[in-house]
PDB file of N, CA and C in Angstrom:
ATOM      1  N   MET A   1       0.819  -1.171   0.034  1.00  0.00           N
ATOM      2  CA  MET A   1       0.008   0.041  -0.004  1.00  0.00           C
ATOM      3  C   MET A   1       0.913   1.208  -0.004  1.00  0.00           C
ATOM      4  N   ARG A   2       0.492   2.280  -0.675  1.00  0.00           N
ATOM      5  CA  ARG A   2       1.239   3.450  -0.793  1.00  0.00           C
ATOM      6  C   ARG A   2       0.973   4.397   0.330  1.00  0.00           C
ATOM      7  N   GLY A   3      -0.238   4.439   0.795  1.00  0.00           N
ATOM      8  CA  GLY A   3      -0.521   5.260   2.050  1.00  0.00           C
ATOM      9  C   GLY A   3      -0.653   6.696   1.687  1.00  0.00           C
ATOM     10  N   TYR A   4      -0.985   7.079   0.492  1.00  0.00           N
ATOM     11  CA  TYR A   4      -1.183   8.548   0.229  1.00  0.00           C
ATOM     12  C   TYR A   4      -2.479   8.648  -0.437  1.00  0.00           C
ATOM     13  N   LYS A   5      -2.862   9.978  -0.842  1.00  0.00           N
ATOM     14  CA  LYS A   5      -4.233  10.182  -1.345  1.00  0.00           C
ATOM     15  C   LYS A   5      -4.256   9.657  -2.807  1.00  0.00           C
ATOM     16  N   SER A   6      -5.258   8.838  -2.985  1.00  0.00           N
ATOM     17  CA  SER A   6      -5.536   8.281  -4.472  1.00  0.00           C
ATOM     18  C   SER A   6      -7.020   8.381  -4.696  1.00  0.00           C
ATOM     19  N   PHE A   7      -7.315   8.579  -5.951  1.00  0.00           N
ATOM     20  CA  PHE A   7      -8.700   8.671  -6.417  1.00  0.00           C
ATOM     21  C   PHE A   7      -9.555   9.551  -5.611  1.00  0.00           C
ATOM     22  N   GLY A   8      -9.014  10.695  -5.132  1.00  0.00           N
ATOM     23  CA  GLY A   8      -9.800  11.721  -4.504  1.00  0.00           C
ATOM     24  C   GLY A   8      -9.985  11.544  -2.981  1.00  0.00           C
ATOM     25  N   ASP A   9      -9.311  10.591  -2.378  1.00  0.00           N
ATOM     26  CA  ASP A   9      -9.436  10.311  -0.936  1.00  0.00           C
ATOM     27  C   ASP A   9      -8.163   9.719  -0.448  1.00  0.00           C
ATOM     28  N   TYR A  10      -8.050   9.575   0.943  1.00  0.00           N
ATOM     29  CA  TYR A  10      -6.837   8.962   1.462  1.00  0.00           C
ATOM     30  C   TYR A  10      -6.954   7.484   1.496  1.00  0.00           C
ATOM     31  N   GLY A  11      -5.883   6.793   1.302  1.00  0.00           N
ATOM     32  CA  GLY A  11      -5.779   5.382   1.302  1.00  0.00           C
ATOM     33  C   GLY A  11      -5.970   4.759  -0.046  1.00  0.00           C
ATOM     34  N   ASP A  12      -5.271   3.662  -0.267  1.00  0.00           N
ATOM     35  CA  ASP A  12      -5.386   2.944  -1.626  1.00  0.00           C
ATOM     36  C   ASP A  12      -6.702   2.233  -1.763  1.00  0.00           C
ATOM     37  N   VAL A  13      -7.190   2.194  -2.991  1.00  0.00           N
ATOM     38  CA  VAL A  13      -8.345   1.354  -3.233  1.00  0.00           C
ATOM     39  C   VAL A  13      -7.937  -0.086  -3.619  1.00  0.00           C
ATOM     40  N   ILE A  14      -8.406  -1.000  -2.858  1.00  0.00           N
ATOM     41  CA  ILE A  14      -7.920  -2.364  -3.063  1.00  0.00           C
ATOM     42  C   ILE A  14      -9.157  -3.376  -3.398  1.00  0.00           C
ATOM     43  N   ILE A  15      -8.878  -4.400  -4.056  1.00  0.00           N
ATOM     44  CA  ILE A  15      -9.840  -5.402  -4.245  1.00  0.00           C
ATOM     45  C   ILE A  15      -9.431  -6.657  -3.470  1.00  0.00           C
ATOM     46  N   PHE A  16     -10.293  -7.222  -2.695  1.00  0.00           N
ATOM     47  CA  PHE A  16      -9.926  -8.232  -1.778  1.00  0.00           C
ATOM     48  C   PHE A  16     -11.042  -9.228  -1.657  1.00  0.00           C
ATOM     49  N   HIS A  17     -10.684 -10.374  -1.186  1.00  0.00           N
ATOM     50  CA  HIS A  17     -11.533 -11.515  -0.865  1.00  0.00           C
ATOM     51  C   HIS A  17     -12.087 -11.253   0.578  1.00  0.00           C
ATOM     52  N   PRO A  18     -13.434 -11.061   0.809  1.00  0.00           N
ATOM     53  CA  PRO A  18     -13.797 -10.798   2.126  1.00  0.00           C
ATOM     54  C   PRO A  18     -13.578 -12.017   3.098  1.00  0.00           C
ATOM     55  N   ASN A  19     -12.927 -11.701   4.219  1.00  0.00           N
ATOM     56  CA  ASN A  19     -12.539 -12.748   5.181  1.00  0.00           C
ATOM     57  C   ASN A  19     -11.715 -13.878   4.644  1.00  0.00           C
ATOM     58  N   GLY A  20     -11.063 -13.620   3.548  1.00  0.00           N
ATOM     59  CA  GLY A  20     -10.201 -14.549   2.831  1.00  0.00           C
ATOM     60  C   GLY A  20     -10.808 -15.715   2.037  1.00  0.00           C
ATOM     61  N   ILE A  21     -12.149 -15.555   1.843  1.00  0.00           N
ATOM     62  CA  ILE A  21     -12.900 -16.600   1.188  1.00  0.00           C
ATOM     63  C   ILE A  21     -12.792 -16.330  -0.294  1.00  0.00           C
ATOM     64  N   SER A  22     -12.021 -17.153  -0.969  1.00  0.00           N
ATOM     65  CA  SER A  22     -11.769 -16.814  -2.347  1.00  0.00           C
ATOM     66  C   SER A  22     -13.038 -17.127  -3.247  1.00  0.00           C
ATOM     67  N   SER A  23     -14.031 -17.867  -2.743  1.00  0.00           N
ATOM     68  CA  SER A  23     -15.223 -18.118  -3.553  1.00  0.00           C
ATOM     69  C   SER A  23     -16.219 -17.045  -3.411  1.00  0.00           C
ATOM     70  N   ALA A  24     -15.996 -16.098  -2.511  1.00  0.00           N
ATOM     71  CA  ALA A  24     -16.945 -15.088  -2.259  1.00  0.00           C
ATOM     72  C   ALA A  24     -16.662 -13.906  -3.342  1.00  0.00           C
ATOM     73  N   THR A  25     -17.643 -13.153  -3.607  1.00  0.00           N
ATOM     74  CA  THR A  25     -17.461 -12.016  -4.590  1.00  0.00           C
ATOM     75  C   THR A  25     -16.459 -11.006  -4.047  1.00  0.00           C
ATOM     76  N   PRO A  26     -15.411 -10.728  -4.750  1.00  0.00           N
ATOM     77  CA  PRO A  26     -14.380  -9.744  -4.223  1.00  0.00           C
ATOM     78  C   PRO A  26     -15.034  -8.463  -3.955  1.00  0.00           C
ATOM     79  N   ILE A  27     -14.527  -7.661  -3.091  1.00  0.00           N
ATOM     80  CA  ILE A  27     -14.972  -6.302  -2.810  1.00  0.00           C
ATOM     81  C   ILE A  27     -13.915  -5.260  -3.191  1.00  0.00           C
ATOM     82  N   MET A  28     -14.401  -4.125  -3.693  1.00  0.00           N
ATOM     83  CA  MET A  28     -13.438  -3.054  -4.064  1.00  0.00           C
ATOM     84  C   MET A  28     -13.692  -1.926  -3.193  1.00  0.00           C
ATOM     85  N   HIS A  29     -12.880  -1.684  -2.144  1.00  0.00           N
ATOM     86  CA  HIS A  29     -13.061  -0.585  -1.230  1.00  0.00           C
ATOM     87  C   HIS A  29     -11.731   0.024  -0.853  1.00  0.00           C
ATOM     88  N   ARG A  30     -11.774   1.155  -0.194  1.00  0.00           N
ATOM     89  CA  ARG A  30     -10.482   1.878   0.178  1.00  0.00           C
ATOM     90  C   ARG A  30      -9.984   1.331   1.453  1.00  0.00           C
ATOM     91  N   ALA A  31      -8.689   1.090   1.521  1.00  0.00           N
ATOM     92  CA  ALA A  31      -8.018   0.858   2.838  1.00  0.00           C
ATOM     93  C   ALA A  31      -7.803   2.085   3.523  1.00  0.00           C
ATOM     94  N   ILE A  32      -8.575   2.262   4.702  1.00  0.00           N
ATOM     95  CA  ILE A  32      -8.432   3.561   5.311  1.00  0.00           C
ATOM     96  C   ILE A  32      -7.432   3.657   6.526  1.00  0.00           C
ATOM     97  N   SER A  33      -7.131   2.510   7.059  1.00  0.00           N
ATOM     98  CA  SER A  33      -6.136   2.384   8.185  1.00  0.00           C
ATOM     99  C   SER A  33      -5.688   1.020   8.356  1.00  0.00           C
ATOM    100  N   TRP A  34      -4.644   0.777   9.205  1.00  0.00           N
ATOM    101  CA  TRP A  34      -4.130  -0.466   9.561  1.00  0.00           C
ATOM    102  C   TRP A  34      -4.477  -0.818  10.922  1.00  0.00           C
ATOM    103  N   MET A  35      -4.836  -1.994  11.276  1.00  0.00           N
ATOM    104  CA  MET A  35      -5.218  -2.408  12.651  1.00  0.00           C
ATOM    105  C   MET A  35      -4.294  -3.582  13.064  1.00  0.00           C
ATOM    106  N   GLU A  36      -3.852  -3.402  14.293  1.00  0.00           N
ATOM    107  CA  GLU A  36      -3.088  -4.577  14.851  1.00  0.00           C
ATOM    108  C   GLU A  36      -3.951  -5.520  15.587  1.00  0.00           C
ATOM    109  N   LYS A  37      -3.578  -6.844  15.774  1.00  0.00           N
ATOM    110  CA  LYS A  37      -4.332  -7.821  16.486  1.00  0.00           C
ATOM    111  C   LYS A  37      -4.682  -7.338  17.960  1.00  0.00           C
ATOM    112  N   GLY A  38      -5.939  -7.372  18.254  1.00  0.00           N
ATOM    113  CA  GLY A  38      -6.297  -6.984  19.676  1.00  0.00           C
ATOM    114  C   GLY A  38      -6.797  -5.575  19.685  1.00  0.00           C
ATOM    115  N   GLU A  39      -6.517  -4.695  18.721  1.00  0.00           N
ATOM    116  CA  GLU A  39      -6.825  -3.293  18.776  1.00  0.00           C
ATOM    117  C   GLU A  39      -8.403  -3.245  18.567  1.00  0.00           C
ATOM    118  N   GLU A  40      -8.991  -2.173  19.078  1.00  0.00           N
ATOM    119  CA  GLU A  40     -10.483  -2.025  19.113  1.00  0.00           C
ATOM    120  C   GLU A  40     -10.879  -1.740  17.551  1.00  0.00           C
ATOM    121  N   MET A  41     -11.714  -2.587  17.001  1.00  0.00           N
ATOM    122  CA  MET A  41     -12.178  -2.309  15.594  1.00  0.00           C
ATOM    123  C   MET A  41     -13.325  -1.429  15.734  1.00  0.00           C
ATOM    124  N   PRO A  42     -13.789  -0.863  14.477  1.00  0.00           N
ATOM    125  CA  PRO A  42     -14.957   0.100  14.450  1.00  0.00           C
ATOM    126  C   PRO A  42     -16.132  -0.402  15.126  1.00  0.00           C
ATOM    127  N   ASN A  43     -16.321  -1.684  15.155  1.00  0.00           N
ATOM    128  CA  ASN A  43     -17.659  -2.267  15.850  1.00  0.00           C
ATOM    129  C   ASN A  43     -17.313  -2.589  17.425  1.00  0.00           C
ATOM    130  N   GLY A  44     -16.273  -1.950  17.837  1.00  0.00           N
ATOM    131  CA  GLY A  44     -15.983  -2.117  19.346  1.00  0.00           C
ATOM    132  C   GLY A  44     -15.322  -3.379  19.762  1.00  0.00           C
ATOM    133  N   GLU A  45     -15.203  -4.368  18.946  1.00  0.00           N
ATOM    134  CA  GLU A  45     -14.664  -5.671  19.241  1.00  0.00           C
ATOM    135  C   GLU A  45     -13.115  -5.661  18.968  1.00  0.00           C
ATOM    136  N   PRO A  46     -12.429  -6.590  19.679  1.00  0.00           N
ATOM    137  CA  PRO A  46     -10.899  -6.602  19.448  1.00  0.00           C
ATOM    138  C   PRO A  46     -10.633  -7.311  18.036  1.00  0.00           C
ATOM    139  N   ALA A  47      -9.727  -6.744  17.393  1.00  0.00           N
ATOM    140  CA  ALA A  47      -9.376  -7.314  15.956  1.00  0.00           C
ATOM    141  C   ALA A  47      -8.810  -8.750  16.164  1.00  0.00           C
ATOM    142  N   PRO A  48      -9.443  -9.646  15.483  1.00  0.00           N
ATOM    143  CA  PRO A  48      -8.938 -11.119  15.526  1.00  0.00           C
ATOM    144  C   PRO A  48      -7.515 -11.274  15.010  1.00  0.00           C
ATOM    145  N   HIS A  49      -7.057 -10.415  14.190  1.00  0.00           N
ATOM    146  CA  HIS A  49      -5.748 -10.336  13.572  1.00  0.00           C
ATOM    147  C   HIS A  49      -5.414  -9.061  12.913  1.00  0.00           C
ATOM    148  N   GLU A  50      -4.154  -8.779  12.596  1.00  0.00           N
ATOM    149  CA  GLU A  50      -3.853  -7.491  11.999  1.00  0.00           C
ATOM    150  C   GLU A  50      -4.391  -7.393  10.588  1.00  0.00           C
ATOM    151  N   GLY A  51      -4.623  -6.197  10.102  1.00  0.00           N
ATOM    152  CA  GLY A  51      -5.126  -6.022   8.719  1.00  0.00           C
ATOM    153  C   GLY A  51      -5.652  -4.632   8.357  1.00  0.00           C
ATOM    154  N   TYR A  52      -6.017  -4.449   7.194  1.00  0.00           N
ATOM    155  CA  TYR A  52      -6.594  -3.128   6.751  1.00  0.00           C
ATOM    156  C   TYR A  52      -8.077  -2.998   7.114  1.00  0.00           C
ATOM    157  N   ILE A  53      -8.425  -1.798   7.588  1.00  0.00           N
ATOM    158  CA  ILE A  53      -9.796  -1.368   7.784  1.00  0.00           C
ATOM    159  C   ILE A  53     -10.247  -0.765   6.498  1.00  0.00           C
ATOM    160  N   THR A  54     -11.321  -1.104   5.973  1.00  0.00           N
ATOM    161  CA  THR A  54     -11.760  -0.784   4.618  1.00  0.00           C
ATOM    162  C   THR A  54     -13.127  -0.117   4.669  1.00  0.00           C
ATOM    163  N   LYS A  55     -13.403   0.676   3.732  1.00  0.00           N
ATOM    164  CA  LYS A  55     -14.615   1.541   3.545  1.00  0.00           C
ATOM    165  C   LYS A  55     -14.938   1.829   2.136  1.00  0.00           C
ATOM    166  N   GLY A  56     -16.159   1.592   1.740  1.00  0.00           N
ATOM    167  CA  GLY A  56     -16.587   2.086   0.393  1.00  0.00           C
ATOM    168  C   GLY A  56     -16.649   3.645   0.463  1.00  0.00           C
ATOM    169  N   ASP A  57     -16.328   4.342  -0.623  1.00  0.00           N
ATOM    170  CA  ASP A  57     -16.357   5.775  -0.624  1.00  0.00           C
ATOM    171  C   ASP A  57     -17.680   6.274  -0.329  1.00  0.00           C
ATOM    172  N   ASN A  58     -18.732   5.589  -0.762  1.00  0.00           N
ATOM    173  CA  ASN A  58     -20.062   6.144  -0.630  1.00  0.00           C
ATOM    174  C   ASN A  58     -20.797   5.473   0.596  1.00  0.00           C
ATOM    175  N   ASN A  59     -20.088   4.749   1.424  1.00  0.00           N
ATOM    176  CA  ASN A  59     -20.585   4.176   2.663  1.00  0.00           C
ATOM    177  C   ASN A  59     -20.320   4.908   3.817  1.00  0.00           C
ATOM    178  N   PRO A  60     -21.317   5.024   4.701  1.00  0.00           N
ATOM    179  CA  PRO A  60     -21.100   5.909   5.939  1.00  0.00           C
ATOM    180  C   PRO A  60     -20.132   5.280   6.898  1.00  0.00           C
ATOM    181  N   TYR A  61     -20.058   3.940   6.966  1.00  0.00           N
ATOM    182  CA  TYR A  61     -19.238   3.317   7.959  1.00  0.00           C
ATOM    183  C   TYR A  61     -18.286   2.322   7.351  1.00  0.00           C
ATOM    184  N   PRO A  62     -17.104   2.022   8.115  1.00  0.00           N
ATOM    185  CA  PRO A  62     -16.161   0.977   7.585  1.00  0.00           C
ATOM    186  C   PRO A  62     -16.843  -0.463   7.500  1.00  0.00           C
ATOM    187  N   ASP A  63     -16.295  -1.230   6.758  1.00  0.00           N
ATOM    188  CA  ASP A  63     -16.811  -2.556   6.488  1.00  0.00           C
ATOM    189  C   ASP A  63     -16.781  -3.336   7.791  1.00  0.00           C
ATOM    190  N   GLN A  64     -15.836  -3.069   8.732  1.00  0.00           N
ATOM    191  CA  GLN A  64     -15.614  -3.748   9.950  1.00  0.00           C
ATOM    192  C   GLN A  64     -16.512  -3.206  11.050  1.00  0.00           C
ATOM    193  N   SER A  65     -17.521  -2.555  10.594  1.00  0.00           N
ATOM    194  CA  SER A  65     -18.483  -1.926  11.720  1.00  0.00           C
ATOM    195  C   SER A  65     -19.681  -2.846  11.932  1.00  0.00           C
ATOM    196  N   GLY A  66     -19.543  -4.025  11.813  1.00  0.00           N
ATOM    197  CA  GLY A  66     -20.656  -4.846  12.129  1.00  0.00           C
ATOM    198  C   GLY A  66     -21.236  -5.595  10.926  1.00  0.00           C
ATOM    199  N   LEU A  67     -20.543  -5.602   9.823  1.00  0.00           N
ATOM    200  CA  LEU A  67     -20.941  -6.263   8.503  1.00  0.00           C
ATOM    201  C   LEU A  67     -20.418  -7.735   8.488  1.00  0.00           C
ATOM    202  N   GLY A  68     -19.701  -8.149   9.529  1.00  0.00           N
ATOM    203  CA  GLY A  68     -19.112  -9.464   9.541  1.00  0.00           C
ATOM    204  C   GLY A  68     -17.770  -9.520   8.822  1.00  0.00           C
ATOM    205  N   ILE A  69     -17.236  -8.494   8.308  1.00  0.00           N
ATOM    206  CA  ILE A  69     -15.977  -8.468   7.538  1.00  0.00           C
ATOM    207  C   ILE A  69     -14.830  -8.187   8.462  1.00  0.00           C
ATOM    208  N   GLU A  70     -13.842  -9.042   8.597  1.00  0.00           N
ATOM    209  CA  GLU A  70     -12.760  -8.822   9.418  1.00  0.00           C
ATOM    210  C   GLU A  70     -11.704  -7.911   8.736  1.00  0.00           C
ATOM    211  N   PRO A  71     -10.724  -7.427   9.594  1.00  0.00           N
ATOM    212  CA  PRO A  71      -9.614  -6.587   9.003  1.00  0.00           C
ATOM    213  C   PRO A  71      -9.038  -7.435   7.886  1.00  0.00           C
ATOM    214  N   VAL A  72      -8.789  -6.781   6.773  1.00  0.00           N
ATOM    215  CA  VAL A  72      -8.207  -7.464   5.488  1.00  0.00           C
ATOM    216  C   VAL A  72      -6.766  -7.774   5.612  1.00  0.00           C
ATOM    217  N   LYS A  73      -6.419  -9.156   5.743  1.00  0.00           N
ATOM    218  CA  LYS A  73      -5.081  -9.463   5.736  1.00  0.00           C
ATOM    219  C   LYS A  73      -4.336  -9.132   4.388  1.00  0.00           C
ATOM    220  N   PRO A  74      -3.101  -8.696   4.365  1.00  0.00           N
ATOM    221  CA  PRO A  74      -2.449  -8.474   3.061  1.00  0.00           C
ATOM    222  C   PRO A  74      -2.556  -9.623   2.053  1.00  0.00           C
ATOM    223  N   GLY A  75      -2.566 -10.801   2.485  1.00  0.00           N
ATOM    224  CA  GLY A  75      -2.744 -12.063   1.589  1.00  0.00           C
ATOM    225  C   GLY A  75      -4.156 -12.120   0.907  1.00  0.00           C
ATOM    226  N   TRP A  76      -5.079 -11.424   1.460  1.00  0.00           N
ATOM    227  CA  TRP A  76      -6.402 -11.467   0.836  1.00  0.00           C
ATOM    228  C   TRP A  76      -6.610 -10.424  -0.260  1.00  0.00           C
ATOM    229  N   VAL A  77      -5.630  -9.480  -0.311  1.00  0.00           N
ATOM    230  CA  VAL A  77      -5.713  -8.397  -1.341  1.00  0.00           C
ATOM    231  C   VAL A  77      -5.404  -9.076  -2.748  1.00  0.00           C
ATOM    232  N   ILE A  78      -6.315  -8.828  -3.593  1.00  0.00           N
ATOM    233  CA  ILE A  78      -6.072  -9.387  -5.013  1.00  0.00           C
ATOM    234  C   ILE A  78      -5.249  -8.431  -5.803  1.00  0.00           C
ATOM    235  N   CYS A  79      -5.636  -7.112  -5.711  1.00  0.00           N
ATOM    236  CA  CYS A  79      -4.967  -6.029  -6.367  1.00  0.00           C
ATOM    237  C   CYS A  79      -5.214  -4.715  -5.802  1.00  0.00           C
ATOM    238  N   VAL A  80      -4.322  -3.769  -6.161  1.00  0.00           N
ATOM    239  CA  VAL A  80      -4.431  -2.313  -5.764  1.00  0.00           C
ATOM    240  C   VAL A  80      -4.783  -1.562  -7.041  1.00  0.00           C
ATOM    241  N   ALA A  81      -5.843  -0.748  -6.991  1.00  0.00           N
ATOM    242  CA  ALA A  81      -6.342   0.048  -8.106  1.00  0.00           C
ATOM    243  C   ALA A  81      -5.162   1.020  -8.485  1.00  0.00           C
ATOM    244  N   ARG A  82      -4.844   1.101  -9.778  1.00  0.00           N
ATOM    245  CA  ARG A  82      -3.850   2.082 -10.317  1.00  0.00           C
ATOM    246  C   ARG A  82      -4.452   2.887 -11.425  1.00  0.00           C
ATOM    247  N   VAL A  83      -5.654   2.698 -11.821  1.00  0.00           N
ATOM    248  CA  VAL A  83      -6.259   3.521 -12.946  1.00  0.00           C
ATOM    249  C   VAL A  83      -7.669   3.819 -12.548  1.00  0.00           C
ATOM    250  N   ARG A  84      -7.995   5.008 -12.902  1.00  0.00           N
ATOM    251  CA  ARG A  84      -9.397   5.552 -12.700  1.00  0.00           C
ATOM    252  C   ARG A  84     -10.055   5.798 -13.965  1.00  0.00           C
ATOM    253  N   ILE A  85     -11.351   5.278 -14.093  1.00  0.00           N
ATOM    254  CA  ILE A  85     -12.164   5.562 -15.223  1.00  0.00           C
ATOM    255  C   ILE A  85     -13.394   6.282 -14.743  1.00  0.00           C
ATOM    256  N   PRO A  86     -13.353   7.670 -14.737  1.00  0.00           N
ATOM    257  CA  PRO A  86     -14.349   8.487 -14.183  1.00  0.00           C
ATOM    258  C   PRO A  86     -15.791   8.178 -14.769  1.00  0.00           C
ATOM    259  N   TYR A  87     -16.721   8.134 -13.758  1.00  0.00           N
ATOM    260  CA  TYR A  87     -18.129   7.864 -14.054  1.00  0.00           C
ATOM    261  C   TYR A  87     -18.531   6.512 -14.634  1.00  0.00           C
ATOM    262  N   LEU A  88     -17.562   5.548 -14.740  1.00  0.00           N
ATOM    263  CA  LEU A  88     -17.854   4.220 -15.283  1.00  0.00           C
ATOM    264  C   LEU A  88     -18.970   3.548 -14.490  1.00  0.00           C
ATOM    265  N   GLY A  89     -19.061   3.730 -13.110  1.00  0.00           N
ATOM    266  CA  GLY A  89     -20.080   3.203 -12.289  1.00  0.00           C
ATOM    267  C   GLY A  89     -21.370   3.597 -12.602  1.00  0.00           C
ATOM    268  N   HIS A  90     -21.501   4.849 -13.151  1.00  0.00           N
ATOM    269  CA  HIS A  90     -22.877   5.418 -13.344  1.00  0.00           C
ATOM    270  C   HIS A  90     -23.543   4.725 -14.527  1.00  0.00           C
ATOM    271  N   LEU A  91     -22.759   4.052 -15.423  1.00  0.00           N
ATOM    272  CA  LEU A  91     -23.408   3.384 -16.459  1.00  0.00           C
ATOM    273  C   LEU A  91     -24.260   2.126 -16.055  1.00  0.00           C
ATOM    274  N   PHE A  92     -23.794   1.579 -14.766  1.00  0.00           N
ATOM    275  CA  PHE A  92     -24.472   0.426 -14.267  1.00  0.00           C
ATOM    276  C   PHE A  92     -25.532   0.795 -13.243  1.00  0.00           C
ATOM    277  N   LYS A  93     -25.677   2.043 -12.775  1.00  0.00           N
ATOM    278  CA  LYS A  93     -26.675   2.262 -11.724  1.00  0.00           C
ATOM    279  C   LYS A  93     -28.011   1.967 -12.270  1.00  0.00           C
ATOM    280  N   GLY A  94     -28.748   1.216 -11.425  1.00  0.00           N
ATOM    281  CA  GLY A  94     -30.079   0.878 -11.792  1.00  0.00           C
ATOM    282  C   GLY A  94     -30.201  -0.144 -12.831  1.00  0.00           C
ATOM    283  N   VAL A  95     -29.083  -0.600 -13.401  1.00  0.00           N
ATOM    284  CA  VAL A  95     -29.084  -1.697 -14.447  1.00  0.00           C
ATOM    285  C   VAL A  95     -29.111  -2.999 -13.680  1.00  0.00           C
ATOM    286  N   GLY A  96     -30.060  -3.841 -13.922  1.00  0.00           N
ATOM    287  CA  GLY A  96     -30.072  -5.218 -13.345  1.00  0.00           C
ATOM    288  C   GLY A  96     -29.027  -6.055 -13.907  1.00  0.00           C
ATOM    289  N   GLY A  97     -28.780  -7.262 -13.157  1.00  0.00           N
ATOM    290  CA  GLY A  97     -27.803  -8.188 -13.734  1.00  0.00           C
ATOM    291  C   GLY A  97     -28.253  -8.790 -14.990  1.00  0.00           C
ATOM    292  N   THR A  98     -29.627  -8.932 -15.179  1.00  0.00           N
ATOM    293  CA  THR A  98     -30.131  -9.639 -16.396  1.00  0.00           C
ATOM    294  C   THR A  98     -29.767  -8.755 -17.564  1.00  0.00           C
ATOM    295  N   VAL A  99     -29.866  -7.353 -17.529  1.00  0.00           N
ATOM    296  CA  VAL A  99     -29.461  -6.560 -18.644  1.00  0.00           C
ATOM    297  C   VAL A  99     -28.046  -6.713 -19.012  1.00  0.00           C
ATOM    298  N   ILE A 100     -27.170  -6.747 -18.057  1.00  0.00           N
ATOM    299  CA  ILE A 100     -25.751  -6.904 -18.238  1.00  0.00           C
ATOM    300  C   ILE A 100     -25.442  -8.224 -18.883  1.00  0.00           C
ATOM    301  N   ILE A 101     -26.088  -9.354 -18.387  1.00  0.00           N
ATOM    302  CA  ILE A 101     -25.924 -10.635 -19.059  1.00  0.00           C
ATOM    303  C   ILE A 101     -26.245 -10.659 -20.543  1.00  0.00           C
ATOM    304  N   TYR A 102     -27.469 -10.086 -20.702  1.00  0.00           N
ATOM    305  CA  TYR A 102     -28.021 -10.067 -22.205  1.00  0.00           C
ATOM    306  C   TYR A 102     -27.088  -9.206 -23.046  1.00  0.00           C
ATOM    307  N   ALA A 103     -26.498  -8.097 -22.541  1.00  0.00           N
ATOM    308  CA  ALA A 103     -25.631  -7.265 -23.298  1.00  0.00           C
ATOM    309  C   ALA A 103     -24.309  -7.995 -23.574  1.00  0.00           C
ATOM    310  N   GLY A 104     -23.877  -8.794 -22.601  1.00  0.00           N
ATOM    311  CA  GLY A 104     -22.743  -9.634 -22.890  1.00  0.00           C
ATOM    312  C   GLY A 104     -22.813 -10.666 -23.899  1.00  0.00           C
ATOM    313  N   ILE A 105     -24.061 -11.391 -23.825  1.00  0.00           N
ATOM    314  CA  ILE A 105     -24.415 -12.342 -24.776  1.00  0.00           C
ATOM    315  C   ILE A 105     -24.497 -11.735 -26.241  1.00  0.00           C
ATOM    316  N   TYR A 106     -25.187 -10.596 -26.318  1.00  0.00           N
ATOM    317  CA  TYR A 106     -25.228  -9.883 -27.570  1.00  0.00           C
ATOM    318  C   TYR A 106     -23.938  -9.586 -28.175  1.00  0.00           C
ATOM    319  N   ALA A 107     -23.039  -9.120 -27.264  1.00  0.00           N
ATOM    320  CA  ALA A 107     -21.644  -8.751 -27.763  1.00  0.00           C
ATOM    321  C   ALA A 107     -20.934  -9.951 -28.300  1.00  0.00           C
ATOM    322  N   ILE A 108     -21.042 -11.089 -27.600  1.00  0.00           N
ATOM    323  CA  ILE A 108     -20.418 -12.314 -28.066  1.00  0.00           C
ATOM    324  C   ILE A 108     -20.945 -12.797 -29.477  1.00  0.00           C
ATOM    325  N   ILE A 109     -22.296 -12.706 -29.564  1.00  0.00           N
ATOM    326  CA  ILE A 109     -22.912 -13.125 -30.771  1.00  0.00           C
ATOM    327  C   ILE A 109     -22.409 -12.173 -31.949  1.00  0.00           C
ATOM    328  N   LEU A 110     -22.428 -10.902 -31.721  1.00  0.00           N
ATOM    329  CA  LEU A 110     -22.012  -9.924 -32.632  1.00  0.00           C
ATOM    330  C   LEU A 110     -20.610 -10.146 -33.114  1.00  0.00           C
ATOM    331  N   ALA A 111     -19.713 -10.439 -32.090  1.00  0.00           N
ATOM    332  CA  ALA A 111     -18.370 -10.672 -32.457  1.00  0.00           C
ATOM    333  C   ALA A 111     -18.237 -11.863 -33.331  1.00  0.00           C
ATOM    334  N   CYS A 112     -19.009 -12.990 -32.980  1.00  0.00           N
ATOM    335  CA  CYS A 112     -18.940 -14.253 -33.792  1.00  0.00           C
ATOM    336  C   CYS A 112     -19.432 -13.953 -35.217  1.00  0.00           C
ATOM    337  N   LEU A 113     -20.507 -13.200 -35.398  1.00  0.00           N
ATOM    338  CA  LEU A 113     -21.021 -12.836 -36.675  1.00  0.00           C
ATOM    339  C   LEU A 113     -20.002 -12.062 -37.556  1.00  0.00           C
ATOM    340  N   MET A 114     -19.278 -11.126 -36.793  1.00  0.00           N
ATOM    341  CA  MET A 114     -18.328 -10.269 -37.524  1.00  0.00           C
ATOM    342  C   MET A 114     -17.150 -11.153 -38.024  1.00  0.00           C
ATOM    343  N   ARG A 115     -16.697 -12.164 -37.212  1.00  0.00           N
ATOM    344  CA  ARG A 115     -15.685 -13.019 -37.574  1.00  0.00           C
ATOM    345  C   ARG A 115     -16.029 -13.963 -38.785  1.00  0.00           C
ATOM    346  N   LYS A 116     -17.266 -14.341 -38.831  1.00  0.00           N
ATOM    347  CA  LYS A 116     -17.716 -15.228 -39.949  1.00  0.00           C
ATOM    348  C   LYS A 116     -17.794 -14.328 -41.215  1.00  0.00           C
ATOM    349  N   LYS A 117     -18.167 -13.123 -41.142  1.00  0.00           N
ATOM    350  CA  LYS A 117     -18.319 -12.185 -42.198  1.00  0.00           C
ATOM    351  C   LYS A 117     -16.933 -11.978 -42.782  1.00  0.00           C
ATOM    352  N   LYS A 118     -15.884 -11.813 -41.903  1.00  0.00           N
ATOM    353  CA  LYS A 118     -14.448 -11.602 -42.505  1.00  0.00           C
ATOM    354  C   LYS A 118     -13.985 -12.777 -43.090  1.00  0.00           C
ATOM    355  N   LYS A 119     -14.307 -13.953 -42.773  1.00  0.00           N
ATOM    356  CA  LYS A 119     -13.771 -15.196 -43.323  1.00  0.00           C
ATOM    357  C   LYS A 119     -14.323 -15.444 -44.716  1.00  0.00           C
ATOM    358  N   ARG A 120     -15.439 -14.847 -45.074  1.00  0.00           N
ATOM    359  CA  ARG A 120     -16.064 -15.010 -46.456  1.00  0.00           C
ATOM    360  C   ARG A 120     -15.325 -14.328 -47.449  1.00  0.00           C
TER     361      ARG A 120
END
């Protein structure tokens, strides 16, 4: 972690496996501080181990404030964000998963049709 201001706020934006569960959907939030084992977490409980305290930029509270997410161990971090694409998230606001799936299927079909056309 770099530990300086990135993407408009303090702390690196990381993608991590919640509680180290690799089959769980990864979370992309900002690492806002480091916690040592036994220190008081935002939910008032002692930290079970050392790790990063994380928070979504639009969330009022850290993930470790009672959501069942433990401090993020460095080994749970998949990657650190290095690039920003402004307003990309706005494209998906209010769009259900079904629409995204159909758009993906349509894109694959279109790509296949274009390949077939080039081969002729």
